[in-house]
């Protein structure tokens, strides 16, 4: 059972890392207009924070600390979706934007389920 939990934690760690990496690549390709620059900065911060807080959650010292970190993950991924919605990509990157919004939605649901089950 513990091994199964570790593999699930690893998968979410990898998934949040990939989300942040894809966001970074997406932001680099955005047209260099003032709104994309400013929204992109915020997006990079919030997307990176999701994975960093998940790592903190998996290393938490108590259930209360774990729940707080997972709630922060959920908050940051929601914020990432918000900043994504404000970006204006080239037409060729619209599908990547849509995919990133979908991934943010799925991650938010996962973190929400973890909070619900752990409370």
C-alpha atoms as a PDB file:
ATOM      1  CA  UNK A   1       0.000   0.000   0.000  1.00  0.00           C
ATOM      2  CA  UNK A   2       2.775   2.450   0.887  1.00  0.00           C
ATOM      3  CA  UNK A   3       4.556   1.709  -2.393  1.00  0.00           C
ATOM      4  CA  UNK A   4       1.326   2.463  -4.279  1.00  0.00           C
ATOM      5  CA  UNK A   5       0.964   5.792  -2.443  1.00  0.00           C
ATOM      6  CA  UNK A   6       4.573   6.700  -3.277  1.00  0.00           C
ATOM      7  CA  UNK A   7       4.055   5.963  -6.985  1.00  0.00           C
ATOM      8  CA  UNK A   8       0.902   8.111  -7.009  1.00  0.00           C
ATOM      9  CA  UNK A   9       2.763  10.936  -5.265  1.00  0.00           C
ATOM     10  CA  UNK A  10       5.566  10.625  -7.805  1.00  0.00           C
ATOM     11  CA  UNK A  11       3.120  10.735 -10.704  1.00  0.00           C
ATOM     12  CA  UNK A  12       1.571  13.953  -9.377  1.00  0.00           C
ATOM     13  CA  UNK A  13       5.024  15.393  -8.757  1.00  0.00           C
ATOM     14  CA  UNK A  14       5.983  14.603 -12.355  1.00  0.00           C
ATOM     15  CA  UNK A  15       2.670  15.892 -13.667  1.00  0.00           C
ATOM     16  CA  UNK A  16       2.945  19.226 -11.854  1.00  0.00           C
ATOM     17  CA  UNK A  17       6.541  19.569 -13.061  1.00  0.00           C
ATOM     18  CA  UNK A  18       5.452  18.940 -16.644  1.00  0.00           C
ATOM     19  CA  UNK A  19       2.637  21.481 -16.244  1.00  0.00           C
ATOM     20  CA  UNK A  20       5.092  24.151 -15.083  1.00  0.00           C
ATOM     21  CA  UNK A  21       7.544  23.265 -17.881  1.00  0.00           C
ATOM     22  CA  UNK A  22       4.841  23.458 -20.547  1.00  0.00           C
ATOM     23  CA  UNK A  23       3.680  26.806 -19.155  1.00  0.00           C
ATOM     24  CA  UNK A  24       7.252  28.130 -19.342  1.00  0.00           C
ATOM     25  CA  UNK A  25       7.550  27.059 -22.977  1.00  0.00           C
ATOM     26  CA  UNK A  26       4.129  28.523 -23.792  1.00  0.00           C
ATOM     27  CA  UNK A  27       4.996  31.898 -22.223  1.00  0.00           C
ATOM     28  CA  UNK A  28       8.281  32.093 -24.151  1.00  0.00           C
ATOM     29  CA  UNK A  29       6.331  31.753 -27.413  1.00  0.00           C
ATOM     30  CA  UNK A  30       3.693  34.381 -26.566  1.00  0.00           C
ATOM     31  CA  UNK A  31       3.682  37.562 -28.682  1.00  0.00           C
ATOM     32  CA  UNK A  32       5.695  40.223 -26.855  1.00  0.00           C
ATOM     33  CA  UNK A  33       2.907  42.652 -25.986  1.00  0.00           C
ATOM     34  CA  UNK A  34       2.678  44.305 -22.586  1.00  0.00           C
ATOM     35  CA  UNK A  35      -0.318  42.280 -21.392  1.00  0.00           C
ATOM     36  CA  UNK A  36       1.307  38.958 -22.313  1.00  0.00           C
ATOM     37  CA  UNK A  37       4.551  39.982 -20.638  1.00  0.00           C
ATOM     38  CA  UNK A  38       2.883  40.921 -17.363  1.00  0.00           C
ATOM     39  CA  UNK A  39       0.341  38.083 -17.352  1.00  0.00           C
ATOM     40  CA  UNK A  40       3.068  35.650 -18.394  1.00  0.00           C
ATOM     41  CA  UNK A  41       5.195  36.583 -15.379  1.00  0.00           C
ATOM     42  CA  UNK A  42       2.296  35.871 -13.047  1.00  0.00           C
ATOM     43  CA  UNK A  43       1.472  32.658 -14.894  1.00  0.00           C
ATOM     44  CA  UNK A  44       5.019  31.328 -14.590  1.00  0.00           C
ATOM     45  CA  UNK A  45       5.034  32.048 -10.844  1.00  0.00           C
ATOM     46  CA  UNK A  46       1.702  30.393 -10.114  1.00  0.00           C
ATOM     47  CA  UNK A  47       2.337  27.352 -12.346  1.00  0.00           C
ATOM     48  CA  UNK A  48       5.710  26.712 -10.716  1.00  0.00           C
ATOM     49  CA  UNK A  49       4.202  27.120  -7.285  1.00  0.00           C
ATOM     50  CA  UNK A  50       1.797  24.223  -7.861  1.00  0.00           C
ATOM     51  CA  UNK A  51       4.574  21.649  -8.057  1.00  0.00           C
ATOM     52  CA  UNK A  52       6.700  23.262  -5.361  1.00  0.00           C
ATOM     53  CA  UNK A  53       3.807  23.165  -2.924  1.00  0.00           C
ATOM     54  CA  UNK A  54       3.005  19.561  -3.843  1.00  0.00           C
ATOM     55  CA  UNK A  55       6.586  18.625  -2.953  1.00  0.00           C
ATOM     56  CA  UNK A  56       6.119  20.451   0.358  1.00  0.00           C
ATOM     57  CA  UNK A  57       2.842  18.582   0.936  1.00  0.00           C
ATOM     58  CA  UNK A  58       4.447  15.193   0.378  1.00  0.00           C
ATOM     59  CA  UNK A  59       7.124  16.087   2.930  1.00  0.00           C
ATOM     60  CA  UNK A  60       4.691  17.554   5.454  1.00  0.00           C
ATOM     61  CA  UNK A  61       5.098  16.864   9.153  1.00  0.00           C
ATOM     62  CA  UNK A  62       1.420  16.695  10.013  1.00  0.00           C
ATOM     63  CA  UNK A  63      -1.990  16.167   8.459  1.00  0.00           C
ATOM     64  CA  UNK A  64      -2.812  19.836   9.050  1.00  0.00           C
ATOM     65  CA  UNK A  65       0.338  20.923   7.219  1.00  0.00           C
ATOM     66  CA  UNK A  66      -0.413  18.470   4.386  1.00  0.00           C
ATOM     67  CA  UNK A  67      -3.944  19.840   3.953  1.00  0.00           C
ATOM     68  CA  UNK A  68      -2.731  23.436   3.978  1.00  0.00           C
ATOM     69  CA  UNK A  69      -0.149  22.711   1.251  1.00  0.00           C
ATOM     70  CA  UNK A  70      -2.646  20.839  -0.916  1.00  0.00           C
ATOM     71  CA  UNK A  71      -5.087  23.738  -0.567  1.00  0.00           C
ATOM     72  CA  UNK A  72      -2.302  26.061  -1.703  1.00  0.00           C
ATOM     73  CA  UNK A  73      -1.713  23.756  -4.706  1.00  0.00           C
ATOM     74  CA  UNK A  74      -5.404  23.999  -5.558  1.00  0.00           C
ATOM     75  CA  UNK A  75      -5.350  27.788  -5.183  1.00  0.00           C
ATOM     76  CA  UNK A  76      -2.231  28.188  -7.328  1.00  0.00           C
ATOM     77  CA  UNK A  77      -3.533  25.981 -10.129  1.00  0.00           C
ATOM     78  CA  UNK A  78      -6.779  27.983 -10.125  1.00  0.00           C
ATOM     79  CA  UNK A  79      -4.707  31.136 -10.377  1.00  0.00           C
ATOM     80  CA  UNK A  80      -2.704  29.612 -13.226  1.00  0.00           C
ATOM     81  CA  UNK A  81      -5.916  28.987 -15.173  1.00  0.00           C
ATOM     82  CA  UNK A  82      -6.897  32.620 -14.590  1.00  0.00           C
ATOM     83  CA  UNK A  83      -3.586  33.972 -15.931  1.00  0.00           C
ATOM     84  CA  UNK A  84      -3.731  31.547 -18.849  1.00  0.00           C
ATOM     85  CA  UNK A  85      -7.162  32.881 -19.787  1.00  0.00           C
ATOM     86  CA  UNK A  86      -5.727  36.404 -19.948  1.00  0.00           C
ATOM     87  CA  UNK A  87      -2.909  35.538 -22.346  1.00  0.00           C
ATOM     88  CA  UNK A  88      -3.238  36.176 -26.071  1.00  0.00           C
ATOM     89  CA  UNK A  89      -1.305  33.534 -28.024  1.00  0.00           C
ATOM     90  CA  UNK A  90      -0.612  33.342 -31.735  1.00  0.00           C
ATOM     91  CA  UNK A  91      -3.206  31.251 -33.533  1.00  0.00           C
ATOM     92  CA  UNK A  92      -0.800  28.302 -33.707  1.00  0.00           C
ATOM     93  CA  UNK A  93      -0.519  28.225 -29.893  1.00  0.00           C
ATOM     94  CA  UNK A  94      -4.254  28.465 -29.150  1.00  0.00           C
ATOM     95  CA  UNK A  95      -4.516  24.668 -28.906  1.00  0.00           C
ATOM     96  CA  UNK A  96      -1.645  24.600 -26.379  1.00  0.00           C
ATOM     97  CA  UNK A  97      -3.399  27.281 -24.335  1.00  0.00           C
ATOM     98  CA  UNK A  98      -6.588  25.202 -24.363  1.00  0.00           C
ATOM     99  CA  UNK A  99      -4.639  22.077 -23.349  1.00  0.00           C
ATOM    100  CA  UNK A 100      -2.956  23.941 -20.481  1.00  0.00           C
ATOM    101  CA  UNK A 101      -6.309  25.255 -19.248  1.00  0.00           C
ATOM    102  CA  UNK A 102      -7.634  21.670 -19.392  1.00  0.00           C
ATOM    103  CA  UNK A 103      -4.628  20.386 -17.432  1.00  0.00           C
ATOM    104  CA  UNK A 104      -5.099  23.140 -14.843  1.00  0.00           C
ATOM    105  CA  UNK A 105      -8.747  22.126 -14.482  1.00  0.00           C
ATOM    106  CA  UNK A 106      -7.819  18.471 -14.021  1.00  0.00           C
ATOM    107  CA  UNK A 107      -5.130  19.301 -11.458  1.00  0.00           C
ATOM    108  CA  UNK A 108      -7.577  21.514  -9.554  1.00  0.00           C
ATOM    109  CA  UNK A 109     -10.046  18.626  -9.397  1.00  0.00           C
ATOM    110  CA  UNK A 110      -7.334  16.234  -8.220  1.00  0.00           C
ATOM    111  CA  UNK A 111      -6.223  18.586  -5.450  1.00  0.00           C
ATOM    112  CA  UNK A 112      -9.841  19.211  -4.510  1.00  0.00           C
ATOM    113  CA  UNK A 113     -10.452  15.469  -4.216  1.00  0.00           C
ATOM    114  CA  UNK A 114      -7.350  15.077  -2.060  1.00  0.00           C
ATOM    115  CA  UNK A 115      -8.590  17.828   0.265  1.00  0.00           C
ATOM    116  CA  UNK A 116     -12.046  16.272   0.481  1.00  0.00           C
ATOM    117  CA  UNK A 117     -10.714  12.774   1.179  1.00  0.00           C
ATOM    118  CA  UNK A 118      -8.096  13.979   3.668  1.00  0.00           C
ATOM    119  CA  UNK A 119     -10.388  16.205   5.703  1.00  0.00           C
END
